[in-house]
Amino acid sequence: MADIHGNGGKFLVGIFDDDDVVLKAVKEVKQAGVRIHEVYSPFPIHGLDVALGHPRTRLGIAAFLFGLTGTLTALSLTAYTEKFDWPMVVGGKDSYSFPVYIPVIFELTVLFCALGMVGTFLVSNGLGPSVKPLMFDLRTTDNKFAMAIDLSKNQLVEGRIEQILKDAGAAEVNVKQF
C-alpha cells in the first residue's frame, strides 16, 4: 500500500455500467490470473466481498469490546459515585440499587461503542484529516463501477489485462498514475 500513497503506483482501471456485470467480471478477471486491487462502487454489492476474497470482517468483535468497555466504565463510575463520592437515595431506593444504574450503563455502552467504531472505521480504512483518498474515477460516486488493478502486482502485461477487462464487460479501460 506504500506505493499508492505518494510513491507513484500505476493502475489499470476498468469502468463498468452495471453491478451484475462487475460482479461477474470480478470472477472472470480473477480466474484469468489477475490480482484485483479493489472494486469501487456507488452502493454495496451483495457478494462482492466474497468474490474479491476478502476475509470475514471482525468489526463485530471490536464493537463488542467497545461496548464492554463502556459497560465496565459505567459500572465503575456509578459504583464509585454512589459509594464514595456522592452517596444518595434516589427515588426511595438505597444507594446500591442496580436499577438506578441501568440508564447510565446503557448510555455509556452505546457511546463507547459508537465512538470506538468510528475510530476503528477511520483507522482500518486509512482515513484521516491528512490523508488524501485515491479517486480512480469520479463517476464511482454516482453511477459507475471501477475495478482497479495494480500493474506492479501482476505478472501479465498491461495490454493482456486490458483485453481481459474488456472481455469481462468493461465499458472503458483507463490507465491511472498516482
N, C-alpha and C. Protein backbone atom coordinates (compact mmCIF):
# COMPACT_ATOMS: atom_id res chain seq x y z
N MET A 1 0.81 -1.19 0.00
CA MET A 1 0.00 0.00 0.00
C MET A 1 0.86 1.26 0.00
N ALA A 2 2.13 1.11 0.29
CA ALA A 2 3.01 2.27 0.35
C ALA A 2 3.18 2.91 -1.02
N ASP A 3 3.16 2.11 -2.11
CA ASP A 3 3.39 2.66 -3.42
C ASP A 3 2.18 3.42 -3.97
N ILE A 4 1.01 3.29 -3.39
CA ILE A 4 -0.14 4.03 -3.89
C ILE A 4 -0.36 5.33 -3.12
N HIS A 5 0.37 5.55 -2.05
CA HIS A 5 0.23 6.79 -1.29
C HIS A 5 1.46 7.66 -1.48
N GLY A 6 1.65 8.12 -2.71
CA GLY A 6 2.70 9.09 -2.93
C GLY A 6 3.91 8.58 -3.66
N ASN A 7 4.12 7.27 -3.77
CA ASN A 7 5.32 6.77 -4.42
C ASN A 7 5.08 6.40 -5.88
N GLY A 8 3.93 6.71 -6.43
CA GLY A 8 3.69 6.52 -7.85
C GLY A 8 3.30 5.12 -8.27
N GLY A 9 2.09 4.69 -8.00
CA GLY A 9 1.61 3.40 -8.47
C GLY A 9 0.88 3.58 -9.78
N LYS A 10 1.02 2.60 -10.69
CA LYS A 10 0.33 2.63 -11.97
C LYS A 10 -0.78 1.60 -11.94
N PHE A 11 -1.99 2.05 -12.26
CA PHE A 11 -3.17 1.20 -12.18
C PHE A 11 -3.89 1.17 -13.52
N LEU A 12 -4.48 0.04 -13.81
CA LEU A 12 -5.39 -0.11 -14.93
C LEU A 12 -6.78 -0.12 -14.33
N VAL A 13 -7.66 0.76 -14.81
CA VAL A 13 -8.99 0.91 -14.21
C VAL A 13 -10.05 0.57 -15.25
N GLY A 14 -10.82 -0.48 -14.97
CA GLY A 14 -11.93 -0.86 -15.81
C GLY A 14 -13.21 -0.22 -15.28
N ILE A 15 -13.95 0.47 -16.15
CA ILE A 15 -15.19 1.13 -15.76
C ILE A 15 -16.36 0.28 -16.26
N PHE A 16 -17.27 -0.04 -15.33
CA PHE A 16 -18.43 -0.86 -15.64
C PHE A 16 -19.71 -0.06 -15.40
N ASP A 17 -20.76 -0.43 -16.16
CA ASP A 17 -22.04 0.28 -16.07
C ASP A 17 -23.06 -0.39 -15.16
N ASP A 18 -22.87 -1.67 -14.85
CA ASP A 18 -23.89 -2.42 -14.12
C ASP A 18 -23.24 -3.23 -13.00
N ASP A 19 -23.94 -3.33 -11.87
CA ASP A 19 -23.39 -4.07 -10.74
C ASP A 19 -23.31 -5.57 -10.99
N ASP A 20 -24.27 -6.13 -11.70
CA ASP A 20 -24.21 -7.56 -12.00
C ASP A 20 -23.03 -7.89 -12.92
N VAL A 21 -22.76 -6.99 -13.86
CA VAL A 21 -21.65 -7.19 -14.79
C VAL A 21 -20.32 -7.13 -14.04
N VAL A 22 -20.17 -6.16 -13.13
CA VAL A 22 -18.91 -6.05 -12.39
C VAL A 22 -18.71 -7.24 -11.45
N LEU A 23 -19.77 -7.75 -10.87
CA LEU A 23 -19.65 -8.93 -10.01
C LEU A 23 -19.21 -10.15 -10.81
N LYS A 24 -19.79 -10.32 -11.97
CA LYS A 24 -19.40 -11.42 -12.85
C LYS A 24 -17.97 -11.21 -13.36
N ALA A 25 -17.62 -9.95 -13.64
CA ALA A 25 -16.28 -9.63 -14.14
C ALA A 25 -15.19 -9.93 -13.11
N VAL A 26 -15.50 -9.71 -11.84
CA VAL A 26 -14.51 -9.99 -10.78
C VAL A 26 -14.12 -11.47 -10.83
N LYS A 27 -15.10 -12.32 -10.97
CA LYS A 27 -14.83 -13.76 -11.02
C LYS A 27 -14.01 -14.11 -12.27
N GLU A 28 -14.37 -13.52 -13.42
CA GLU A 28 -13.67 -13.81 -14.66
C GLU A 28 -12.23 -13.30 -14.64
N VAL A 29 -12.04 -12.09 -14.11
CA VAL A 29 -10.70 -11.50 -14.07
C VAL A 29 -9.80 -12.28 -13.12
N LYS A 30 -10.33 -12.67 -11.96
CA LYS A 30 -9.53 -13.47 -11.02
C LYS A 30 -9.21 -14.84 -11.61
N GLN A 31 -10.16 -15.41 -12.34
CA GLN A 31 -9.95 -16.71 -12.96
C GLN A 31 -8.85 -16.63 -14.03
N ALA A 32 -8.70 -15.46 -14.66
CA ALA A 32 -7.65 -15.27 -15.67
C ALA A 32 -6.27 -15.04 -15.03
N GLY A 33 -6.22 -14.99 -13.70
CA GLY A 33 -4.94 -14.86 -13.01
C GLY A 33 -4.52 -13.43 -12.70
N VAL A 34 -5.45 -12.50 -12.74
CA VAL A 34 -5.16 -11.09 -12.47
C VAL A 34 -5.51 -10.78 -11.02
N ARG A 35 -4.58 -10.11 -10.32
CA ARG A 35 -4.84 -9.69 -8.93
C ARG A 35 -5.54 -8.33 -8.96
N ILE A 36 -6.71 -8.27 -8.37
CA ILE A 36 -7.50 -7.04 -8.34
C ILE A 36 -7.14 -6.26 -7.08
N HIS A 37 -6.82 -4.98 -7.26
CA HIS A 37 -6.51 -4.12 -6.10
C HIS A 37 -7.79 -3.85 -5.30
N GLU A 38 -8.83 -3.35 -5.98
CA GLU A 38 -10.10 -3.05 -5.31
C GLU A 38 -11.16 -2.76 -6.36
N VAL A 39 -12.43 -2.89 -5.95
CA VAL A 39 -13.56 -2.51 -6.79
C VAL A 39 -14.30 -1.39 -6.07
N TYR A 40 -14.56 -0.31 -6.77
CA TYR A 40 -15.23 0.86 -6.20
C TYR A 40 -16.64 0.96 -6.78
N SER A 41 -17.59 1.20 -5.89
CA SER A 41 -19.00 1.16 -6.26
C SER A 41 -19.76 2.28 -5.56
N PRO A 42 -20.80 2.82 -6.20
CA PRO A 42 -21.60 3.86 -5.52
C PRO A 42 -22.52 3.31 -4.44
N PHE A 43 -22.69 1.99 -4.38
CA PHE A 43 -23.51 1.36 -3.35
C PHE A 43 -22.97 -0.05 -3.10
N PRO A 44 -23.32 -0.65 -1.97
CA PRO A 44 -22.83 -2.00 -1.67
C PRO A 44 -23.38 -3.03 -2.67
N ILE A 45 -22.53 -3.95 -3.07
CA ILE A 45 -22.93 -5.03 -3.97
C ILE A 45 -22.85 -6.33 -3.18
N HIS A 46 -24.00 -6.99 -3.04
CA HIS A 46 -24.06 -8.23 -2.27
C HIS A 46 -23.19 -9.29 -2.93
N GLY A 47 -22.28 -9.87 -2.16
CA GLY A 47 -21.42 -10.94 -2.64
C GLY A 47 -20.09 -10.47 -3.22
N LEU A 48 -19.88 -9.15 -3.33
CA LEU A 48 -18.64 -8.65 -3.91
C LEU A 48 -17.44 -8.95 -3.01
N ASP A 49 -17.62 -8.82 -1.71
CA ASP A 49 -16.52 -9.10 -0.79
C ASP A 49 -16.08 -10.55 -0.88
N VAL A 50 -17.02 -11.47 -1.04
CA VAL A 50 -16.69 -12.88 -1.18
C VAL A 50 -15.99 -13.12 -2.52
N ALA A 51 -16.49 -12.49 -3.58
CA ALA A 51 -15.89 -12.66 -4.91
C ALA A 51 -14.46 -12.13 -4.94
N LEU A 52 -14.19 -11.04 -4.22
CA LEU A 52 -12.85 -10.47 -4.17
C LEU A 52 -11.92 -11.27 -3.26
N GLY A 53 -12.50 -12.11 -2.39
CA GLY A 53 -11.68 -12.92 -1.50
C GLY A 53 -11.35 -12.23 -0.19
N HIS A 54 -12.12 -11.19 0.16
CA HIS A 54 -11.89 -10.52 1.44
C HIS A 54 -12.28 -11.46 2.58
N PRO A 55 -11.49 -11.49 3.65
CA PRO A 55 -11.87 -12.33 4.80
C PRO A 55 -13.09 -11.73 5.51
N ARG A 56 -13.77 -12.57 6.26
CA ARG A 56 -14.93 -12.11 7.02
C ARG A 56 -14.49 -11.04 8.01
N THR A 57 -15.29 -9.99 8.12
CA THR A 57 -14.94 -8.86 8.97
C THR A 57 -14.96 -9.24 10.45
N ARG A 58 -14.09 -8.58 11.20
CA ARG A 58 -14.05 -8.79 12.66
C ARG A 58 -14.56 -7.55 13.38
N LEU A 59 -15.32 -6.72 12.69
CA LEU A 59 -15.84 -5.50 13.31
C LEU A 59 -16.81 -5.80 14.44
N GLY A 60 -17.51 -6.92 14.36
CA GLY A 60 -18.42 -7.30 15.44
C GLY A 60 -17.69 -7.51 16.75
N ILE A 61 -16.49 -8.10 16.66
CA ILE A 61 -15.68 -8.30 17.86
C ILE A 61 -15.25 -6.96 18.44
N ALA A 62 -14.84 -6.05 17.56
CA ALA A 62 -14.43 -4.71 18.02
C ALA A 62 -15.61 -4.00 18.67
N ALA A 63 -16.79 -4.08 18.06
CA ALA A 63 -17.98 -3.43 18.63
C ALA A 63 -18.30 -4.00 20.01
N PHE A 64 -18.21 -5.32 20.15
CA PHE A 64 -18.47 -5.94 21.45
C PHE A 64 -17.48 -5.44 22.49
N LEU A 65 -16.20 -5.38 22.14
CA LEU A 65 -15.19 -4.93 23.10
C LEU A 65 -15.38 -3.46 23.48
N PHE A 66 -15.74 -2.61 22.52
CA PHE A 66 -16.01 -1.21 22.86
C PHE A 66 -17.24 -1.11 23.76
N GLY A 67 -18.28 -1.88 23.46
CA GLY A 67 -19.47 -1.88 24.31
C GLY A 67 -19.18 -2.40 25.71
N LEU A 68 -18.37 -3.45 25.79
CA LEU A 68 -17.99 -4.00 27.09
C LEU A 68 -17.19 -2.97 27.90
N THR A 69 -16.31 -2.25 27.23
CA THR A 69 -15.54 -1.20 27.90
C THR A 69 -16.48 -0.12 28.43
N GLY A 70 -17.48 0.26 27.64
CA GLY A 70 -18.47 1.24 28.10
C GLY A 70 -19.27 0.75 29.29
N THR A 71 -19.66 -0.53 29.25
CA THR A 71 -20.42 -1.11 30.36
C THR A 71 -19.59 -1.13 31.64
N LEU A 72 -18.34 -1.58 31.53
CA LEU A 72 -17.48 -1.63 32.71
C LEU A 72 -17.16 -0.23 33.24
N THR A 73 -16.99 0.72 32.33
CA THR A 73 -16.76 2.11 32.75
C THR A 73 -17.98 2.65 33.49
N ALA A 74 -19.17 2.37 32.97
CA ALA A 74 -20.40 2.85 33.61
C ALA A 74 -20.58 2.20 34.98
N LEU A 75 -20.34 0.91 35.07
CA LEU A 75 -20.47 0.24 36.37
C LEU A 75 -19.47 0.80 37.37
N SER A 76 -18.25 1.01 36.94
CA SER A 76 -17.23 1.57 37.83
C SER A 76 -17.59 2.98 38.26
N LEU A 77 -18.02 3.79 37.30
CA LEU A 77 -18.39 5.18 37.59
C LEU A 77 -19.55 5.27 38.57
N THR A 78 -20.60 4.52 38.32
CA THR A 78 -21.76 4.59 39.20
C THR A 78 -21.47 4.00 40.57
N ALA A 79 -20.71 2.91 40.61
CA ALA A 79 -20.38 2.31 41.91
C ALA A 79 -19.51 3.26 42.73
N TYR A 80 -18.52 3.87 42.10
CA TYR A 80 -17.66 4.82 42.82
C TYR A 80 -18.47 6.04 43.28
N THR A 81 -19.31 6.55 42.39
CA THR A 81 -20.09 7.74 42.73
C THR A 81 -21.05 7.45 43.87
N GLU A 82 -21.76 6.33 43.80
CA GLU A 82 -22.76 6.01 44.82
C GLU A 82 -22.14 5.60 46.15
N LYS A 83 -20.97 5.01 46.11
CA LYS A 83 -20.38 4.51 47.36
C LYS A 83 -19.48 5.55 48.03
N PHE A 84 -18.67 6.25 47.25
CA PHE A 84 -17.65 7.12 47.85
C PHE A 84 -17.88 8.61 47.60
N ASP A 85 -18.16 8.98 46.38
CA ASP A 85 -18.14 10.39 46.02
C ASP A 85 -19.42 11.13 46.42
N TRP A 86 -20.58 10.57 46.10
CA TRP A 86 -21.81 11.29 46.34
C TRP A 86 -22.93 10.30 46.65
N PRO A 87 -22.88 9.62 47.76
CA PRO A 87 -23.94 8.65 48.08
C PRO A 87 -25.25 9.38 48.35
N MET A 88 -26.32 8.87 47.74
CA MET A 88 -27.64 9.48 47.94
C MET A 88 -28.73 8.45 47.71
N VAL A 89 -29.92 8.78 48.18
CA VAL A 89 -31.08 7.93 47.98
C VAL A 89 -31.83 8.51 46.78
N VAL A 90 -32.08 7.64 45.75
CA VAL A 90 -32.75 8.08 44.54
C VAL A 90 -34.09 7.37 44.45
N GLY A 91 -35.17 8.13 44.40
CA GLY A 91 -36.49 7.55 44.25
C GLY A 91 -36.87 6.60 45.36
N GLY A 92 -36.39 6.82 46.57
CA GLY A 92 -36.70 5.97 47.70
C GLY A 92 -35.92 4.68 47.75
N LYS A 93 -34.98 4.51 46.83
CA LYS A 93 -34.16 3.29 46.81
C LYS A 93 -32.81 3.60 47.43
N ASP A 94 -32.22 2.58 48.02
CA ASP A 94 -30.92 2.80 48.65
C ASP A 94 -29.84 3.02 47.59
N SER A 95 -28.68 3.40 48.03
CA SER A 95 -27.60 3.78 47.13
C SER A 95 -27.07 2.65 46.27
N TYR A 96 -27.25 1.41 46.67
CA TYR A 96 -26.66 0.31 45.94
C TYR A 96 -27.69 -0.47 45.13
N SER A 97 -28.76 0.17 44.73
CA SER A 97 -29.80 -0.48 43.95
C SER A 97 -29.41 -0.51 42.47
N PHE A 98 -29.35 -1.69 41.89
CA PHE A 98 -28.90 -1.84 40.49
C PHE A 98 -29.79 -1.14 39.48
N PRO A 99 -31.13 -1.14 39.60
CA PRO A 99 -31.96 -0.46 38.59
C PRO A 99 -31.62 1.02 38.41
N VAL A 100 -31.04 1.65 39.41
CA VAL A 100 -30.64 3.05 39.29
C VAL A 100 -29.51 3.18 38.27
N TYR A 101 -28.69 2.15 38.13
CA TYR A 101 -27.52 2.20 37.24
C TYR A 101 -27.87 1.97 35.76
N ILE A 102 -28.98 1.36 35.48
CA ILE A 102 -29.29 0.90 34.12
C ILE A 102 -29.24 2.01 33.06
N PRO A 103 -29.84 3.18 33.25
CA PRO A 103 -29.73 4.20 32.19
C PRO A 103 -28.29 4.64 31.90
N VAL A 104 -27.49 4.81 32.93
CA VAL A 104 -26.10 5.21 32.74
C VAL A 104 -25.32 4.11 32.04
N ILE A 105 -25.54 2.87 32.43
CA ILE A 105 -24.85 1.73 31.80
C ILE A 105 -25.20 1.67 30.32
N PHE A 106 -26.48 1.79 30.01
CA PHE A 106 -26.92 1.73 28.62
C PHE A 106 -26.30 2.86 27.80
N GLU A 107 -26.37 4.08 28.31
CA GLU A 107 -25.87 5.23 27.55
C GLU A 107 -24.37 5.16 27.32
N LEU A 108 -23.59 4.79 28.33
CA LEU A 108 -22.14 4.71 28.14
C LEU A 108 -21.75 3.53 27.25
N THR A 109 -22.51 2.45 27.30
CA THR A 109 -22.24 1.32 26.40
C THR A 109 -22.42 1.76 24.95
N VAL A 110 -23.52 2.42 24.66
CA VAL A 110 -23.78 2.90 23.30
C VAL A 110 -22.76 3.96 22.88
N LEU A 111 -22.43 4.88 23.76
CA LEU A 111 -21.48 5.94 23.44
C LEU A 111 -20.09 5.37 23.12
N PHE A 112 -19.57 4.50 23.98
CA PHE A 112 -18.25 3.92 23.74
C PHE A 112 -18.23 3.09 22.46
N CYS A 113 -19.30 2.35 22.24
CA CYS A 113 -19.38 1.52 21.04
C CYS A 113 -19.40 2.39 19.79
N ALA A 114 -20.21 3.43 19.78
CA ALA A 114 -20.32 4.30 18.60
C ALA A 114 -19.01 5.03 18.31
N LEU A 115 -18.43 5.65 19.33
CA LEU A 115 -17.18 6.39 19.12
C LEU A 115 -16.03 5.44 18.76
N GLY A 116 -15.99 4.28 19.39
CA GLY A 116 -14.95 3.31 19.08
C GLY A 116 -15.06 2.79 17.66
N MET A 117 -16.27 2.57 17.18
CA MET A 117 -16.45 2.08 15.83
C MET A 117 -16.12 3.15 14.78
N VAL A 118 -16.39 4.40 15.08
CA VAL A 118 -15.99 5.48 14.16
C VAL A 118 -14.47 5.51 14.06
N GLY A 119 -13.79 5.44 15.19
CA GLY A 119 -12.33 5.42 15.18
C GLY A 119 -11.78 4.19 14.47
N THR A 120 -12.38 3.04 14.70
CA THR A 120 -11.96 1.81 14.05
C THR A 120 -12.14 1.91 12.54
N PHE A 121 -13.26 2.48 12.11
CA PHE A 121 -13.52 2.66 10.68
C PHE A 121 -12.45 3.54 10.04
N LEU A 122 -12.15 4.65 10.69
CA LEU A 122 -11.16 5.58 10.14
C LEU A 122 -9.78 4.93 10.06
N VAL A 123 -9.37 4.24 11.11
CA VAL A 123 -8.04 3.61 11.12
C VAL A 123 -7.97 2.46 10.13
N SER A 124 -8.98 1.59 10.11
CA SER A 124 -8.92 0.41 9.24
C SER A 124 -9.00 0.77 7.77
N ASN A 125 -9.57 1.91 7.43
CA ASN A 125 -9.66 2.32 6.03
C ASN A 125 -8.61 3.36 5.65
N GLY A 126 -7.69 3.65 6.57
CA GLY A 126 -6.62 4.58 6.26
C GLY A 126 -7.10 5.99 6.02
N LEU A 127 -8.15 6.39 6.71
CA LEU A 127 -8.70 7.73 6.54
C LEU A 127 -8.30 8.62 7.70
N GLY A 128 -8.31 9.89 7.46
CA GLY A 128 -7.98 10.85 8.50
C GLY A 128 -7.89 12.23 7.88
N PRO A 129 -7.67 13.23 8.71
CA PRO A 129 -7.67 14.59 8.19
C PRO A 129 -6.51 14.89 7.23
N SER A 130 -5.40 14.17 7.33
CA SER A 130 -4.25 14.46 6.48
C SER A 130 -4.12 13.51 5.29
N VAL A 131 -5.03 12.55 5.16
CA VAL A 131 -4.93 11.56 4.10
C VAL A 131 -5.78 11.99 2.90
N LYS A 132 -5.17 11.99 1.74
CA LYS A 132 -5.90 12.30 0.51
C LYS A 132 -6.33 10.97 -0.12
N PRO A 133 -7.63 10.72 -0.23
CA PRO A 133 -8.08 9.43 -0.76
C PRO A 133 -7.79 9.30 -2.26
N LEU A 134 -7.60 8.07 -2.70
CA LEU A 134 -7.41 7.80 -4.11
C LEU A 134 -8.76 7.82 -4.81
N MET A 135 -8.84 8.54 -5.91
CA MET A 135 -10.06 8.55 -6.72
C MET A 135 -9.70 8.01 -8.09
N PHE A 136 -10.09 6.78 -8.35
CA PHE A 136 -9.79 6.17 -9.63
C PHE A 136 -10.70 6.72 -10.73
N ASP A 137 -11.93 7.06 -10.36
CA ASP A 137 -12.86 7.66 -11.30
C ASP A 137 -13.96 8.35 -10.49
N LEU A 138 -14.18 9.62 -10.77
CA LEU A 138 -15.19 10.38 -10.01
C LEU A 138 -16.60 9.84 -10.20
N ARG A 139 -16.85 9.15 -11.29
CA ARG A 139 -18.20 8.64 -11.56
C ARG A 139 -18.59 7.50 -10.63
N THR A 140 -17.63 6.93 -9.88
CA THR A 140 -17.97 5.85 -8.95
C THR A 140 -18.77 6.36 -7.76
N THR A 141 -18.83 7.67 -7.57
CA THR A 141 -19.66 8.21 -6.50
C THR A 141 -21.10 8.42 -6.97
N ASP A 142 -21.34 8.21 -8.26
CA ASP A 142 -22.67 8.46 -8.82
C ASP A 142 -23.30 7.20 -9.41
N ASN A 143 -22.75 6.70 -10.52
CA ASN A 143 -23.45 5.61 -11.20
C ASN A 143 -22.55 4.60 -11.90
N LYS A 144 -21.24 4.67 -11.72
CA LYS A 144 -20.32 3.75 -12.39
C LYS A 144 -19.59 2.89 -11.37
N PHE A 145 -19.01 1.80 -11.85
CA PHE A 145 -18.26 0.86 -11.02
C PHE A 145 -16.85 0.76 -11.58
N ALA A 146 -15.85 0.87 -10.73
CA ALA A 146 -14.46 0.85 -11.18
C ALA A 146 -13.73 -0.33 -10.55
N MET A 147 -13.03 -1.09 -11.40
CA MET A 147 -12.18 -2.17 -10.94
C MET A 147 -10.74 -1.71 -11.14
N ALA A 148 -10.01 -1.54 -10.05
CA ALA A 148 -8.63 -1.07 -10.11
C ALA A 148 -7.68 -2.25 -10.01
N ILE A 149 -6.72 -2.29 -10.92
CA ILE A 149 -5.73 -3.36 -10.95
C ILE A 149 -4.35 -2.74 -10.89
N ASP A 150 -3.59 -3.07 -9.85
CA ASP A 150 -2.24 -2.57 -9.67
C ASP A 150 -1.32 -3.35 -10.62
N LEU A 151 -0.77 -2.65 -11.59
CA LEU A 151 0.05 -3.32 -12.60
C LEU A 151 1.35 -3.86 -12.03
N SER A 152 1.86 -3.26 -10.96
CA SER A 152 3.11 -3.74 -10.38
C SER A 152 2.94 -5.06 -9.62
N LYS A 153 1.72 -5.45 -9.34
CA LYS A 153 1.48 -6.68 -8.59
C LYS A 153 0.91 -7.79 -9.46
N ASN A 154 1.01 -7.63 -10.78
CA ASN A 154 0.51 -8.63 -11.71
C ASN A 154 1.61 -9.05 -12.66
N GLN A 155 1.58 -10.32 -13.05
CA GLN A 155 2.58 -10.86 -13.95
C GLN A 155 2.24 -10.60 -15.41
N LEU A 156 0.96 -10.46 -15.71
CA LEU A 156 0.53 -10.25 -17.10
C LEU A 156 0.86 -8.83 -17.55
N VAL A 157 1.05 -8.67 -18.85
CA VAL A 157 1.35 -7.35 -19.40
C VAL A 157 0.08 -6.50 -19.45
N GLU A 158 0.28 -5.19 -19.53
CA GLU A 158 -0.84 -4.25 -19.49
C GLU A 158 -1.87 -4.50 -20.58
N GLY A 159 -1.41 -4.76 -21.80
CA GLY A 159 -2.33 -4.99 -22.92
C GLY A 159 -3.20 -6.22 -22.71
N ARG A 160 -2.64 -7.27 -22.14
CA ARG A 160 -3.41 -8.50 -21.89
C ARG A 160 -4.46 -8.27 -20.81
N ILE A 161 -4.10 -7.56 -19.76
CA ILE A 161 -5.07 -7.26 -18.69
C ILE A 161 -6.19 -6.38 -19.23
N GLU A 162 -5.83 -5.42 -20.07
CA GLU A 162 -6.85 -4.55 -20.68
C GLU A 162 -7.84 -5.36 -21.51
N GLN A 163 -7.34 -6.34 -22.26
CA GLN A 163 -8.22 -7.18 -23.07
C GLN A 163 -9.11 -8.05 -22.18
N ILE A 164 -8.57 -8.55 -21.07
CA ILE A 164 -9.36 -9.35 -20.14
C ILE A 164 -10.50 -8.52 -19.56
N LEU A 165 -10.21 -7.27 -19.20
CA LEU A 165 -11.25 -6.38 -18.66
C LEU A 165 -12.33 -6.11 -19.70
N LYS A 166 -11.95 -5.84 -20.92
CA LYS A 166 -12.94 -5.58 -21.98
C LYS A 166 -13.79 -6.82 -22.25
N ASP A 167 -13.15 -7.99 -22.27
CA ASP A 167 -13.90 -9.23 -22.48
C ASP A 167 -14.86 -9.51 -21.33
N ALA A 168 -14.52 -9.03 -20.13
CA ALA A 168 -15.37 -9.24 -18.95
C ALA A 168 -16.53 -8.25 -18.89
N GLY A 169 -16.56 -7.27 -19.79
CA GLY A 169 -17.70 -6.35 -19.84
C GLY A 169 -17.40 -4.92 -19.48
N ALA A 170 -16.13 -4.52 -19.40
CA ALA A 170 -15.80 -3.14 -19.08
C ALA A 170 -16.20 -2.23 -20.23
N ALA A 171 -16.88 -1.15 -19.91
CA ALA A 171 -17.28 -0.18 -20.92
C ALA A 171 -16.09 0.61 -21.42
N GLU A 172 -15.12 0.84 -20.53
CA GLU A 172 -13.88 1.53 -20.89
C GLU A 172 -12.78 1.09 -19.94
N VAL A 173 -11.54 1.21 -20.40
CA VAL A 173 -10.39 0.87 -19.58
C VAL A 173 -9.40 2.03 -19.65
N ASN A 174 -8.98 2.53 -18.50
CA ASN A 174 -8.09 3.68 -18.41
C ASN A 174 -6.85 3.33 -17.60
N VAL A 175 -5.77 4.06 -17.85
CA VAL A 175 -4.56 3.94 -17.05
C VAL A 175 -4.54 5.12 -16.09
N LYS A 176 -4.31 4.84 -14.82
CA LYS A 176 -4.28 5.89 -13.80
C LYS A 176 -2.94 5.82 -13.07
N GLN A 177 -2.23 6.93 -13.01
CA GLN A 177 -0.94 7.00 -12.35
C GLN A 177 -1.08 7.86 -11.07
N PHE A 178 -0.59 7.32 -9.96
CA PHE A 178 -0.62 8.07 -8.71
C PHE A 178 0.78 8.39 -8.28
